[in-house]
Amino acid sequence: MPVVELTSNRVLHEEHDDPSPGTIVIDTDTGKIVEVRQTKSASADHDYGDLVIMPGLVDAHVHLNEP
């Protein structure tokens, strides 16, 4: 299973109220999150520094203009 790792100093975890360091592992075949770690990974593919990563967040704001 090929994966990509995203890491940041500010990841929203289920177990914490505030963002904390973490890593999200995504299966590139399915696009699904397969693991959320509560530590930063030094070998992550992308380090987003202090930007917030929110696993599973969906922007449901849509406009349906077609009948």
PDB file of N, CA and C in Angstrom:
ATOM      1  N   MET A   1       0.846  -1.176   0.000  1.00  0.00           N
ATOM      2  CA  MET A   1       0.000   0.000   0.000  1.00  0.00           C
ATOM      3  C   MET A   1       0.894   1.244   0.000  1.00  0.00           C
ATOM      4  N   PRO A   2       0.878   2.023  -1.087  1.00  0.00           N
ATOM      5  CA  PRO A   2       1.651   3.270  -1.103  1.00  0.00           C
ATOM      6  C   PRO A   2       0.962   4.327  -0.249  1.00  0.00           C
ATOM      7  N   VAL A   3       1.747   5.027   0.551  1.00  0.00           N
ATOM      8  CA  VAL A   3       1.185   6.032   1.454  1.00  0.00           C
ATOM      9  C   VAL A   3       1.949   7.345   1.316  1.00  0.00           C
ATOM     10  N   VAL A   4       1.303   8.416   1.772  1.00  0.00           N
ATOM     11  CA  VAL A   4       1.946   9.713   1.899  1.00  0.00           C
ATOM     12  C   VAL A   4       1.729  10.166   3.343  1.00  0.00           C
ATOM     13  N   GLU A   5       2.783  10.741   3.941  1.00  0.00           N
ATOM     14  CA  GLU A   5       2.698  11.219   5.321  1.00  0.00           C
ATOM     15  C   GLU A   5       2.721  12.735   5.347  1.00  0.00           C
ATOM     16  N   LEU A   6       1.744  13.317   6.050  1.00  0.00           N
ATOM     17  CA  LEU A   6       1.665  14.754   6.246  1.00  0.00           C
ATOM     18  C   LEU A   6       1.883  15.031   7.720  1.00  0.00           C
ATOM     19  N   THR A   7       2.778  15.951   8.059  1.00  0.00           N
ATOM     20  CA  THR A   7       3.045  16.242   9.461  1.00  0.00           C
ATOM     21  C   THR A   7       2.966  17.740   9.712  1.00  0.00           C
ATOM     22  N   SER A   8       2.663  18.106  10.947  1.00  0.00           N
ATOM     23  CA  SER A   8       2.527  19.511  11.313  1.00  0.00           C
ATOM     24  C   SER A   8       2.658  19.651  12.828  1.00  0.00           C
ATOM     25  N   ASN A   9       2.957  20.862  13.254  1.00  0.00           N
ATOM     26  CA  ASN A   9       2.968  21.163  14.692  1.00  0.00           C
ATOM     27  C   ASN A   9       1.558  21.315  15.236  1.00  0.00           C
ATOM     28  N   ARG A  10       0.575  21.422  14.325  1.00  0.00           N
ATOM     29  CA  ARG A  10      -0.808  21.672  14.734  1.00  0.00           C
ATOM     30  C   ARG A  10      -1.752  20.744  13.981  1.00  0.00           C
ATOM     31  N   VAL A  11      -1.944  19.546  14.520  1.00  0.00           N
ATOM     32  CA  VAL A  11      -2.880  18.568  13.955  1.00  0.00           C
ATOM     33  C   VAL A  11      -4.041  18.413  14.933  1.00  0.00           C
ATOM     34  N   LEU A  12      -5.264  18.426  14.423  1.00  0.00           N
ATOM     35  CA  LEU A  12      -6.424  18.188  15.286  1.00  0.00           C
ATOM     36  C   LEU A  12      -6.597  16.687  15.465  1.00  0.00           C
ATOM     37  N   HIS A  13      -6.515  16.251  16.717  1.00  0.00           N
ATOM     38  CA  HIS A  13      -6.668  14.840  17.064  1.00  0.00           C
ATOM     39  C   HIS A  13      -8.003  14.651  17.766  1.00  0.00           C
ATOM     40  N   GLU A  14      -8.555  13.472  17.646  1.00  0.00           N
ATOM     41  CA  GLU A  14      -9.794  13.139  18.337  1.00  0.00           C
ATOM     42  C   GLU A  14      -9.638  13.252  19.850  1.00  0.00           C
ATOM     43  N   GLU A  15      -8.462  12.916  20.344  1.00  0.00           N
ATOM     44  CA  GLU A  15      -8.231  12.839  21.782  1.00  0.00           C
ATOM     45  C   GLU A  15      -7.922  14.185  22.424  1.00  0.00           C
ATOM     46  N   HIS A  16      -7.673  15.247  21.634  1.00  0.00           N
ATOM     47  CA  HIS A  16      -7.272  16.545  22.178  1.00  0.00           C
ATOM     48  C   HIS A  16      -8.246  17.630  21.741  1.00  0.00           C
ATOM     49  N   ASP A  17      -8.427  18.620  22.610  1.00  0.00           N
ATOM     50  CA  ASP A  17      -9.279  19.752  22.257  1.00  0.00           C
ATOM     51  C   ASP A  17      -8.538  20.763  21.393  1.00  0.00           C
ATOM     52  N   ASP A  18      -7.239  20.884  21.612  1.00  0.00           N
ATOM     53  CA  ASP A  18      -6.429  21.852  20.889  1.00  0.00           C
ATOM     54  C   ASP A  18      -5.485  21.143  19.927  1.00  0.00           C
ATOM     55  N   PRO A  19      -5.086  21.818  18.842  1.00  0.00           N
ATOM     56  CA  PRO A  19      -4.120  21.208  17.919  1.00  0.00           C
ATOM     57  C   PRO A  19      -2.801  20.907  18.622  1.00  0.00           C
ATOM     58  N   SER A  20      -2.182  19.798  18.260  1.00  0.00           N
ATOM     59  CA  SER A  20      -0.892  19.404  18.821  1.00  0.00           C
ATOM     60  C   SER A  20      -0.082  18.722  17.714  1.00  0.00           C
ATOM     61  N   PRO A  21       1.229  18.557  17.914  1.00  0.00           N
ATOM     62  CA  PRO A  21       2.048  17.927  16.880  1.00  0.00           C
ATOM     63  C   PRO A  21       1.514  16.553  16.494  1.00  0.00           C
ATOM     64  N   GLY A  22       1.601  16.235  15.191  1.00  0.00           N
ATOM     65  CA  GLY A  22       1.119  14.937  14.743  1.00  0.00           C
ATOM     66  C   GLY A  22       1.420  14.683  13.284  1.00  0.00           C
ATOM     67  N   THR A  23       1.078  13.473  12.856  1.00  0.00           N
ATOM     68  CA  THR A  23       1.290  13.029  11.479  1.00  0.00           C
ATOM     69  C   THR A  23       0.058  12.281  11.003  1.00  0.00           C
ATOM     70  N   ILE A  24      -0.339  12.546   9.766  1.00  0.00           N
ATOM     71  CA  ILE A  24      -1.459  11.851   9.154  1.00  0.00           C
ATOM     72  C   ILE A  24      -0.921  11.025   7.994  1.00  0.00           C
ATOM     73  N   VAL A  25      -1.299   9.744   7.953  1.00  0.00           N
ATOM     74  CA  VAL A  25      -0.859   8.838   6.895  1.00  0.00           C
ATOM     75  C   VAL A  25      -2.053   8.567   5.987  1.00  0.00           C
ATOM     76  N   ILE A  26      -1.857   8.790   4.680  1.00  0.00           N
ATOM     77  CA  ILE A  26      -2.929   8.639   3.700  1.00  0.00           C
ATOM     78  C   ILE A  26      -2.550   7.578   2.676  1.00  0.00           C
ATOM     79  N   ASP A  27      -3.463   6.643   2.412  1.00  0.00           N
ATOM     80  CA  ASP A  27      -3.280   5.631   1.367  1.00  0.00           C
ATOM     81  C   ASP A  27      -3.502   6.333   0.026  1.00  0.00           C
ATOM     82  N   THR A  28      -2.473   6.364  -0.823  1.00  0.00           N
ATOM     83  CA  THR A  28      -2.592   7.093  -2.090  1.00  0.00           C
ATOM     84  C   THR A  28      -3.464   6.367  -3.106  1.00  0.00           C
ATOM     85  N   ASP A  29      -3.691   5.076  -2.928  1.00  0.00           N
ATOM     86  CA  ASP A  29      -4.578   4.343  -3.842  1.00  0.00           C
ATOM     87  C   ASP A  29      -6.044   4.695  -3.609  1.00  0.00           C
ATOM     88  N   THR A  30      -6.427   4.820  -2.325  1.00  0.00           N
ATOM     89  CA  THR A  30      -7.831   5.061  -1.989  1.00  0.00           C
ATOM     90  C   THR A  30      -8.102   6.511  -1.588  1.00  0.00           C
ATOM     91  N   GLY A  31      -7.063   7.250  -1.194  1.00  0.00           N
ATOM     92  CA  GLY A  31      -7.242   8.612  -0.716  1.00  0.00           C
ATOM     93  C   GLY A  31      -7.758   8.677   0.708  1.00  0.00           C
ATOM     94  N   LYS A  32      -7.802   7.528   1.387  1.00  0.00           N
ATOM     95  CA  LYS A  32      -8.332   7.474   2.752  1.00  0.00           C
ATOM     96  C   LYS A  32      -7.225   7.623   3.784  1.00  0.00           C
ATOM     97  N   ILE A  33      -7.578   8.255   4.896  1.00  0.00           N
ATOM     98  CA  ILE A  33      -6.662   8.357   6.032  1.00  0.00           C
ATOM     99  C   ILE A  33      -6.589   6.979   6.678  1.00  0.00           C
ATOM    100  N   VAL A  34      -5.375   6.430   6.803  1.00  0.00           N
ATOM    101  CA  VAL A  34      -5.223   5.103   7.387  1.00  0.00           C
ATOM    102  C   VAL A  34      -4.645   5.150   8.798  1.00  0.00           C
ATOM    103  N   GLU A  35      -4.052   6.290   9.175  1.00  0.00           N
ATOM    104  CA  GLU A  35      -3.483   6.395  10.515  1.00  0.00           C
ATOM    105  C   GLU A  35      -3.310   7.863  10.882  1.00  0.00           C
ATOM    106  N   VAL A  36      -3.562   8.183  12.149  1.00  0.00           N
ATOM    107  CA  VAL A  36      -3.281   9.507  12.695  1.00  0.00           C
ATOM    108  C   VAL A  36      -2.384   9.296  13.900  1.00  0.00           C
ATOM    109  N   ARG A  37      -1.157   9.803  13.805  1.00  0.00           N
ATOM    110  CA  ARG A  37      -0.176   9.656  14.893  1.00  0.00           C
ATOM    111  C   ARG A  37      -0.125  10.929  15.720  1.00  0.00           C
ATOM    112  N   GLN A  38       0.163  10.791  16.994  1.00  0.00           N
ATOM    113  CA  GLN A  38       0.213  11.935  17.886  1.00  0.00           C
ATOM    114  C   GLN A  38       1.631  12.471  18.056  1.00  0.00           C
ATOM    115  N   THR A  39       2.496  12.165  17.090  1.00  0.00           N
ATOM    116  CA  THR A  39       3.859  12.689  17.085  1.00  0.00           C
ATOM    117  C   THR A  39       4.214  13.116  15.670  1.00  0.00           C
ATOM    118  N   LYS A  40       5.137  14.077  15.557  1.00  0.00           N
ATOM    119  CA  LYS A  40       5.609  14.487  14.237  1.00  0.00           C
ATOM    120  C   LYS A  40       6.559  13.437  13.696  1.00  0.00           C
ATOM    121  N   SER A  41       6.539  13.239  12.394  1.00  0.00           N
ATOM    122  CA  SER A  41       7.422  12.287  11.742  1.00  0.00           C
ATOM    123  C   SER A  41       8.543  13.041  11.042  1.00  0.00           C
ATOM    124  N   ALA A  42       9.782  12.674  11.357  1.00  0.00           N
ATOM    125  CA  ALA A  42      10.935  13.306  10.717  1.00  0.00           C
ATOM    126  C   ALA A  42      11.056  12.879   9.257  1.00  0.00           C
ATOM    127  N   SER A  43      10.453  11.743   8.909  1.00  0.00           N
ATOM    128  CA  SER A  43      10.554  11.233   7.543  1.00  0.00           C
ATOM    129  C   SER A  43       9.287  11.484   6.718  1.00  0.00           C
ATOM    130  N   ALA A  44       8.430  12.404   7.174  1.00  0.00           N
ATOM    131  CA  ALA A  44       7.172  12.690   6.463  1.00  0.00           C
ATOM    132  C   ALA A  44       7.451  13.260   5.076  1.00  0.00           C
ATOM    133  N   ASP A  45       6.543  12.996   4.154  1.00  0.00           N
ATOM    134  CA  ASP A  45       6.670  13.510   2.789  1.00  0.00           C
ATOM    135  C   ASP A  45       6.487  15.027   2.732  1.00  0.00           C
ATOM    136  N   HIS A  46       5.592  15.540   3.582  1.00  0.00           N
ATOM    137  CA  HIS A  46       5.321  16.980   3.609  1.00  0.00           C
ATOM    138  C   HIS A  46       5.236  17.443   5.056  1.00  0.00           C
ATOM    139  N   ASP A  47       6.022  18.479   5.416  1.00  0.00           N
ATOM    140  CA  ASP A  47       5.965  19.077   6.746  1.00  0.00           C
ATOM    141  C   ASP A  47       5.333  20.453   6.600  1.00  0.00           C
ATOM    142  N   TYR A  48       4.162  20.638   7.199  1.00  0.00           N
ATOM    143  CA  TYR A  48       3.422  21.879   7.062  1.00  0.00           C
ATOM    144  C   TYR A  48       3.682  22.865   8.197  1.00  0.00           C
ATOM    145  N   GLY A  49       4.729  22.635   8.966  1.00  0.00           N
ATOM    146  CA  GLY A  49       5.134  23.593   9.996  1.00  0.00           C
ATOM    147  C   GLY A  49       4.028  23.881  10.985  1.00  0.00           C
ATOM    148  N   ASP A  50       3.585  25.162  11.036  1.00  0.00           N
ATOM    149  CA  ASP A  50       2.547  25.570  11.984  1.00  0.00           C
ATOM    150  C   ASP A  50       1.156  25.641  11.364  1.00  0.00           C
ATOM    151  N   LEU A  51       1.019  25.213  10.099  1.00  0.00           N
ATOM    152  CA  LEU A  51      -0.314  25.179   9.494  1.00  0.00           C
ATOM    153  C   LEU A  51      -1.127  24.050  10.114  1.00  0.00           C
ATOM    154  N   VAL A  52      -2.430  24.246  10.244  1.00  0.00           N
ATOM    155  CA  VAL A  52      -3.309  23.258  10.875  1.00  0.00           C
ATOM    156  C   VAL A  52      -3.703  22.180   9.863  1.00  0.00           C
ATOM    157  N   ILE A  53      -3.613  20.909  10.277  1.00  0.00           N
ATOM    158  CA  ILE A  53      -4.111  19.781   9.495  1.00  0.00           C
ATOM    159  C   ILE A  53      -5.305  19.212  10.246  1.00  0.00           C
ATOM    160  N   MET A  54      -6.442  19.079   9.527  1.00  0.00           N
ATOM    161  CA  MET A  54      -7.670  18.596  10.143  1.00  0.00           C
ATOM    162  C   MET A  54      -8.141  17.344   9.414  1.00  0.00           C
ATOM    163  N   PRO A  55      -7.880  16.168   9.952  1.00  0.00           N
ATOM    164  CA  PRO A  55      -8.298  14.946   9.264  1.00  0.00           C
ATOM    165  C   PRO A  55      -9.816  14.828   9.192  1.00  0.00           C
ATOM    166  N   GLY A  56     -10.287  14.481   8.007  1.00  0.00           N
ATOM    167  CA  GLY A  56     -11.708  14.208   7.838  1.00  0.00           C
ATOM    168  C   GLY A  56     -12.602  15.420   7.760  1.00  0.00           C
ATOM    169  N   LEU A  57     -12.062  16.624   7.689  1.00  0.00           N
ATOM    170  CA  LEU A  57     -12.898  17.807   7.600  1.00  0.00           C
ATOM    171  C   LEU A  57     -13.444  17.934   6.183  1.00  0.00           C
ATOM    172  N   VAL A  58     -14.747  18.140   6.074  1.00  0.00           N
ATOM    173  CA  VAL A  58     -15.394  18.284   4.775  1.00  0.00           C
ATOM    174  C   VAL A  58     -16.067  19.644   4.726  1.00  0.00           C
ATOM    175  N   ASP A  59     -15.807  20.388   3.673  1.00  0.00           N
ATOM    176  CA  ASP A  59     -16.488  21.661   3.468  1.00  0.00           C
ATOM    177  C   ASP A  59     -17.799  21.367   2.747  1.00  0.00           C
ATOM    178  N   ALA A  60     -18.891  21.396   3.461  1.00  0.00           N
ATOM    179  CA  ALA A  60     -20.194  21.030   2.898  1.00  0.00           C
ATOM    180  C   ALA A  60     -20.936  22.236   2.311  1.00  0.00           C
ATOM    181  N   HIS A  61     -20.265  23.368   2.180  1.00  0.00           N
ATOM    182  CA  HIS A  61     -20.897  24.560   1.629  1.00  0.00           C
ATOM    183  C   HIS A  61     -20.964  24.415   0.107  1.00  0.00           C
ATOM    184  N   VAL A  62     -22.134  24.127  -0.382  1.00  0.00           N
ATOM    185  CA  VAL A  62     -22.324  23.975  -1.835  1.00  0.00           C
ATOM    186  C   VAL A  62     -23.577  24.727  -2.269  1.00  0.00           C
ATOM    187  N   HIS A  63     -23.611  25.060  -3.523  1.00  0.00           N
ATOM    188  CA  HIS A  63     -24.792  25.661  -4.118  1.00  0.00           C
ATOM    189  C   HIS A  63     -25.245  24.729  -5.239  1.00  0.00           C
ATOM    190  N   LEU A  64     -26.430  24.218  -5.103  1.00  0.00           N
ATOM    191  CA  LEU A  64     -26.977  23.325  -6.133  1.00  0.00           C
ATOM    192  C   LEU A  64     -27.874  24.158  -7.040  1.00  0.00           C
ATOM    193  N   ASN A  65     -27.343  24.565  -8.183  1.00  0.00           N
ATOM    194  CA  ASN A  65     -28.066  25.449  -9.101  1.00  0.00           C
ATOM    195  C   ASN A  65     -28.795  24.706 -10.198  1.00  0.00           C
ATOM    196  N   GLU A  66     -28.545  23.434 -10.343  1.00  0.00           N
ATOM    197  CA  GLU A  66     -29.197  22.667 -11.398  1.00  0.00           C
ATOM    198  C   GLU A  66     -30.454  21.997 -10.847  1.00  0.00           C
ATOM    199  N   PRO A  67     -31.523  21.973 -11.626  1.00  0.00           N
ATOM    200  CA  PRO A  67     -32.754  21.308 -11.138  1.00  0.00           C
ATOM    201  C   PRO A  67     -32.596  19.804 -11.037  1.00  0.00           C
TER     202      PRO A  67
END
